Structure formats: C-alpha cells, structure tokens
Amino acid sequence: VRLQQAPDDPLACEVAERENRRSRDFGGRARLLLATSEQAGLPVSVRRQRPRDAAQLFEQKLSDPDAALRCYQALLRVEDHADDTLRAMARLLERAGRWDALCECLEQTLALQREAAQKIALLRRIADVQRRERKDRGAAADALARLIDLDPNDRTARVTLAEDLTALERYDQLARLIERRIEEPATKAERVGLMRQLAG
C-alpha cells in the first residue's frame, strides 16, 4: 500500500521488498512493481528497474509469460537501447508459440542492429520462422531477399530463395536473382548453367 501511495519513495520500495520476502507473495510484488512503474514523476532509472524486476518475478517465480511480456513492453517505452529487452521478449514469444508477434519483435530487433553479421543472423531467423511456423513462404522469401542484399555470396540463402520464388511463381524476381548471379565472378560452367536456367 505504501508503495502505491508513494511510488517514487525508495523507503516504500524497501518496505515492500521486505514484506515480499516475508510473505513470499511474488504475485503481489510483481503486480505492484508493474502497476507503479509508469507513475508520473518517477526517475527514469526506477521506471526501467521496476518492470525489469517484475518481469523476472512473473517469468521465474510465477510462470506467467504474458505478464512478463507486459513488463517488457512497459520497459520498451522508457528504454533508449532496447536490444536486450527485445531479445528477452523474443525468447518468451518463441516459447509461447506466438509466431506473428515473434516476427514483429525480430523485425524491431533488426532495426536496431548496425553490424551486417547481426542483421544476417536475424533475417535468417525471421525467414525460418515465417516458413516453418507461420507457413508464409512469401514472407520467408522477402526476408531471404534482404539477407542476400547484405551477403550475395550466401549460397544456402540463394538456393532456398530460388526455390521459394519458383514455388510462388515470382518469375520476374527469380530472373533478377539469376541475372545477378551471372554477373558475379564464377566458372564458365556455372555461368552457362545459370544462363540456361534463366532461358528456361
């Protein structure tokens, strides 16, 4: 109660934590932390720490991934660098089989990355989730196309994308993929094979 009345009072937090340890009321503590995490006037550090602590309680003590996700969403509203939070959300979403939300989360994580290797790994994961879990071959192909823009030499991605484009009957995009490969350094036999594929 004291924490609800004075959410920015460090002493109230300490009292609530002591009461929680005594009563082992993890649910009450987690709900209180989340409910008071966005109170006006709280320092940013407190607004970050409370939902983080609540998420840990919901996930580890209460086995409530939906509540933990709400905590991470609250955390995203105050964090400048949300990469760790998004990765934690992705882990929970994958465990819960919430594939649409997982793909959205991975796209958000992708937008924060600067290194090509990290982007490639995320795009590969997005393509895999789209194909295996969402059964959306078109979305998987789009992710692979973005991956190949970053790494044109990824043979596995190229082969899989070609198979996807053929199955989807996206022949114009398939032709551009093959033409792009023809223009790259290759043996004479490889170039002839690609030109025959393009002609077919």
Protein backbone atom coordinates (compact mmCIF):
# COMPACT_ATOMS: atom_id res chain seq x y z
CA VAL A 1 0.00 0.00 0.00
CA ARG A 2 2.76 2.39 0.94
CA LEU A 3 4.45 1.80 -2.44
CA GLN A 4 1.19 2.62 -4.26
CA GLN A 5 0.84 5.83 -2.26
CA ALA A 6 4.47 6.87 -2.77
CA PRO A 7 5.82 5.08 -5.88
CA ASP A 8 8.93 7.27 -6.00
CA ASP A 9 9.82 6.67 -2.35
CA PRO A 10 12.88 4.41 -2.03
CA LEU A 11 11.91 3.56 1.55
CA ALA A 12 8.50 2.36 0.36
CA CYS A 13 10.22 0.08 -2.13
CA GLU A 14 12.44 -1.30 0.61
CA VAL A 15 9.47 -1.94 2.88
CA ALA A 16 7.54 -3.66 0.10
CA GLU A 17 10.54 -5.83 -0.74
CA ARG A 18 10.94 -6.83 2.91
CA GLU A 19 7.25 -7.68 3.15
CA ASN A 20 7.51 -9.72 -0.02
CA ARG A 21 10.41 -11.73 1.30
CA ARG A 22 8.50 -12.39 4.49
CA SER A 23 5.20 -13.37 2.85
CA ARG A 24 6.66 -14.79 -0.39
CA ASP A 25 3.84 -13.01 -2.22
CA PHE A 26 5.64 -12.91 -5.55
CA GLY A 27 2.46 -12.20 -7.49
CA GLY A 28 1.52 -9.22 -5.36
CA ARG A 29 5.04 -7.83 -5.54
CA ALA A 30 5.27 -8.26 -9.32
CA ARG A 31 1.87 -6.68 -9.95
CA LEU A 32 2.70 -3.77 -7.67
CA LEU A 33 6.03 -3.16 -9.38
CA LEU A 34 4.43 -3.15 -12.80
CA ALA A 35 1.46 -1.01 -11.73
CA THR A 36 3.70 1.66 -10.22
CA SER A 37 6.43 1.62 -12.87
CA GLU A 38 4.87 4.34 -15.01
CA GLN A 39 3.80 6.73 -12.29
CA ALA A 40 4.40 10.39 -13.17
CA GLY A 41 7.47 11.84 -11.52
CA LEU A 42 9.44 8.62 -11.17
CA PRO A 43 13.13 8.78 -12.10
CA VAL A 44 13.88 7.06 -15.38
CA SER A 45 16.15 4.58 -13.61
CA VAL A 46 13.22 3.47 -11.42
CA ARG A 47 10.88 3.25 -14.40
CA ARG A 48 13.38 0.89 -16.00
CA GLN A 49 14.17 -1.20 -12.96
CA ARG A 50 10.64 -1.90 -11.74
CA PRO A 51 9.29 -3.55 -14.91
CA ARG A 52 12.58 -5.45 -15.24
CA ASP A 53 12.23 -6.82 -11.70
CA ALA A 54 8.53 -7.55 -12.27
CA ALA A 55 9.30 -9.44 -15.49
CA GLN A 56 11.82 -11.60 -13.64
CA LEU A 57 9.24 -12.45 -10.97
CA PHE A 58 6.49 -13.20 -13.48
CA GLU A 59 8.76 -15.41 -15.54
CA GLN A 60 10.85 -17.22 -12.93
CA LYS A 61 8.56 -17.38 -9.90
CA LEU A 62 5.07 -17.29 -11.37
CA SER A 63 5.49 -18.92 -14.82
CA ASP A 64 3.36 -16.17 -16.36
CA PRO A 65 4.95 -15.27 -19.72
CA ASP A 66 2.08 -12.98 -20.77
CA ALA A 67 2.56 -10.82 -17.70
CA ALA A 68 6.32 -10.83 -18.24
CA LEU A 69 5.74 -9.62 -21.79
CA ARG A 70 3.64 -6.74 -20.48
CA CYS A 71 6.55 -5.79 -18.26
CA TYR A 72 8.96 -5.79 -21.17
CA GLN A 73 6.52 -3.69 -23.22
CA ALA A 74 6.46 -1.15 -20.39
CA LEU A 75 10.24 -1.24 -20.36
CA LEU A 76 10.38 -0.52 -24.09
CA ARG A 77 8.51 2.72 -23.52
CA VAL A 78 11.35 4.13 -21.40
CA GLU A 79 14.48 2.46 -22.79
CA ASP A 80 16.78 4.14 -25.27
CA HIS A 81 18.60 0.94 -26.19
CA ALA A 82 16.05 -1.87 -26.21
CA ASP A 83 18.05 -4.68 -27.77
CA ASP A 84 18.27 -6.82 -24.62
CA THR A 85 14.59 -6.27 -23.85
CA LEU A 86 13.53 -7.24 -27.37
CA ARG A 87 15.65 -10.38 -27.22
CA ALA A 88 14.04 -11.33 -23.91
CA MET A 89 10.63 -10.77 -25.48
CA ALA A 90 11.58 -12.89 -28.48
CA ARG A 91 12.58 -15.74 -26.19
CA LEU A 92 9.22 -15.63 -24.41
CA LEU A 93 7.24 -15.32 -27.63
CA GLU A 94 9.03 -18.28 -29.18
CA ARG A 95 8.42 -20.38 -26.07
CA ALA A 96 4.71 -19.44 -26.21
CA GLY A 97 4.44 -20.18 -29.94
CA ARG A 98 3.26 -16.66 -30.74
CA TRP A 99 4.81 -16.55 -34.18
CA ASP A 100 3.24 -13.36 -35.56
CA ALA A 101 4.36 -11.38 -32.53
CA LEU A 102 7.77 -13.05 -32.64
CA CYS A 103 8.35 -11.94 -36.23
CA GLU A 104 7.35 -8.37 -35.33
CA CYS A 105 9.73 -8.47 -32.36
CA LEU A 106 12.58 -9.78 -34.51
CA GLU A 107 11.96 -7.02 -37.06
CA GLN A 108 12.19 -4.44 -34.28
CA THR A 109 15.44 -6.02 -33.12
CA LEU A 110 16.73 -5.98 -36.69
CA ALA A 111 16.08 -2.25 -36.99
CA LEU A 112 18.43 -1.61 -34.04
CA GLN A 113 21.40 -3.52 -35.45
CA ARG A 114 24.40 -1.90 -37.08
CA GLU A 115 26.61 -4.89 -37.82
CA ALA A 116 25.89 -6.80 -41.02
CA ALA A 117 26.52 -10.16 -39.34
CA GLN A 118 23.84 -9.48 -36.73
CA LYS A 119 21.36 -8.38 -39.39
CA ILE A 120 22.05 -11.50 -41.44
CA ALA A 121 21.52 -13.80 -38.45
CA LEU A 122 18.21 -12.12 -37.62
CA LEU A 123 16.99 -12.22 -41.21
CA ARG A 124 17.83 -15.91 -41.38
CA ARG A 125 15.83 -16.49 -38.21
CA ILE A 126 12.90 -14.42 -39.50
CA ALA A 127 12.85 -16.42 -42.73
CA ASP A 128 12.91 -19.67 -40.79
CA VAL A 129 10.02 -18.66 -38.52
CA GLN A 130 8.00 -17.40 -41.46
CA ARG A 131 8.48 -20.63 -43.37
CA ARG A 132 8.34 -23.28 -40.63
CA GLU A 133 5.92 -21.78 -38.13
CA ARG A 134 3.76 -19.27 -39.97
CA LYS A 135 3.78 -21.26 -43.22
CA ASP A 136 4.23 -17.98 -45.07
CA ARG A 137 6.64 -18.73 -47.87
CA GLY A 138 6.23 -15.27 -49.36
CA ALA A 139 7.34 -13.54 -46.17
CA ALA A 140 10.21 -16.01 -45.87
CA ALA A 141 11.30 -15.17 -49.42
CA ASP A 142 11.19 -11.45 -48.64
CA ALA A 143 13.46 -11.97 -45.62
CA LEU A 144 15.91 -14.03 -47.67
CA ALA A 145 15.99 -11.37 -50.38
CA ARG A 146 17.01 -8.81 -47.78
CA LEU A 147 19.62 -11.23 -46.45
CA ILE A 148 21.12 -11.67 -49.93
CA ASP A 149 21.31 -7.90 -50.35
CA LEU A 150 23.65 -7.96 -47.35
CA ASP A 151 25.51 -11.14 -48.31
CA PRO A 152 25.23 -12.01 -52.02
CA ASN A 153 27.60 -14.96 -51.52
CA ASP A 154 25.31 -16.86 -49.14
CA ARG A 155 24.71 -19.89 -51.31
CA THR A 156 22.20 -21.55 -48.96
CA ALA A 157 20.06 -18.42 -48.92
CA ARG A 158 20.24 -18.07 -52.70
CA VAL A 159 19.22 -21.66 -53.34
CA THR A 160 16.37 -21.51 -50.84
CA LEU A 161 15.18 -18.17 -52.22
CA ALA A 162 15.21 -19.56 -55.76
CA GLU A 163 13.07 -22.49 -54.61
CA ASP A 164 10.67 -20.13 -52.84
CA LEU A 165 10.36 -17.82 -55.84
CA THR A 166 9.70 -20.76 -58.14
CA ALA A 167 7.01 -22.14 -55.85
CA LEU A 168 5.45 -18.68 -55.53
CA GLU A 169 5.66 -18.16 -59.31
CA ARG A 170 7.52 -14.90 -58.82
CA TYR A 171 9.39 -15.36 -62.05
CA ASP A 172 10.48 -11.76 -62.53
CA GLN A 173 12.16 -11.76 -59.14
CA LEU A 174 13.67 -15.17 -59.86
CA ALA A 175 15.08 -13.88 -63.14
CA ARG A 176 16.69 -10.91 -61.39
CA LEU A 177 18.21 -13.27 -58.84
CA ILE A 178 19.73 -15.41 -61.58
CA GLU A 179 20.91 -12.39 -63.61
CA ARG A 180 22.61 -11.01 -60.54
CA ARG A 181 24.39 -14.30 -60.02
CA ILE A 182 25.50 -14.41 -63.67
CA GLU A 183 27.14 -11.00 -63.30
CA GLU A 184 29.20 -12.20 -60.34
CA PRO A 185 32.55 -13.97 -60.73
CA ALA A 186 32.03 -17.66 -61.49
CA THR A 187 33.42 -20.52 -63.54
CA LYS A 188 32.37 -20.80 -67.17
CA ALA A 189 30.33 -23.92 -66.39
CA GLU A 190 28.45 -22.14 -63.61
CA ARG A 191 27.68 -19.18 -65.85
CA VAL A 192 26.41 -21.44 -68.63
CA GLY A 193 24.21 -23.32 -66.18
CA LEU A 194 22.75 -20.10 -64.83
CA MET A 195 22.09 -18.76 -68.34
CA ARG A 196 20.27 -21.96 -69.23
CA GLN A 197 18.22 -21.67 -66.05
CA LEU A 198 17.34 -18.10 -66.96
CA ALA A 199 16.39 -19.08 -70.52
CA GLY A 200 14.19 -21.91 -69.20
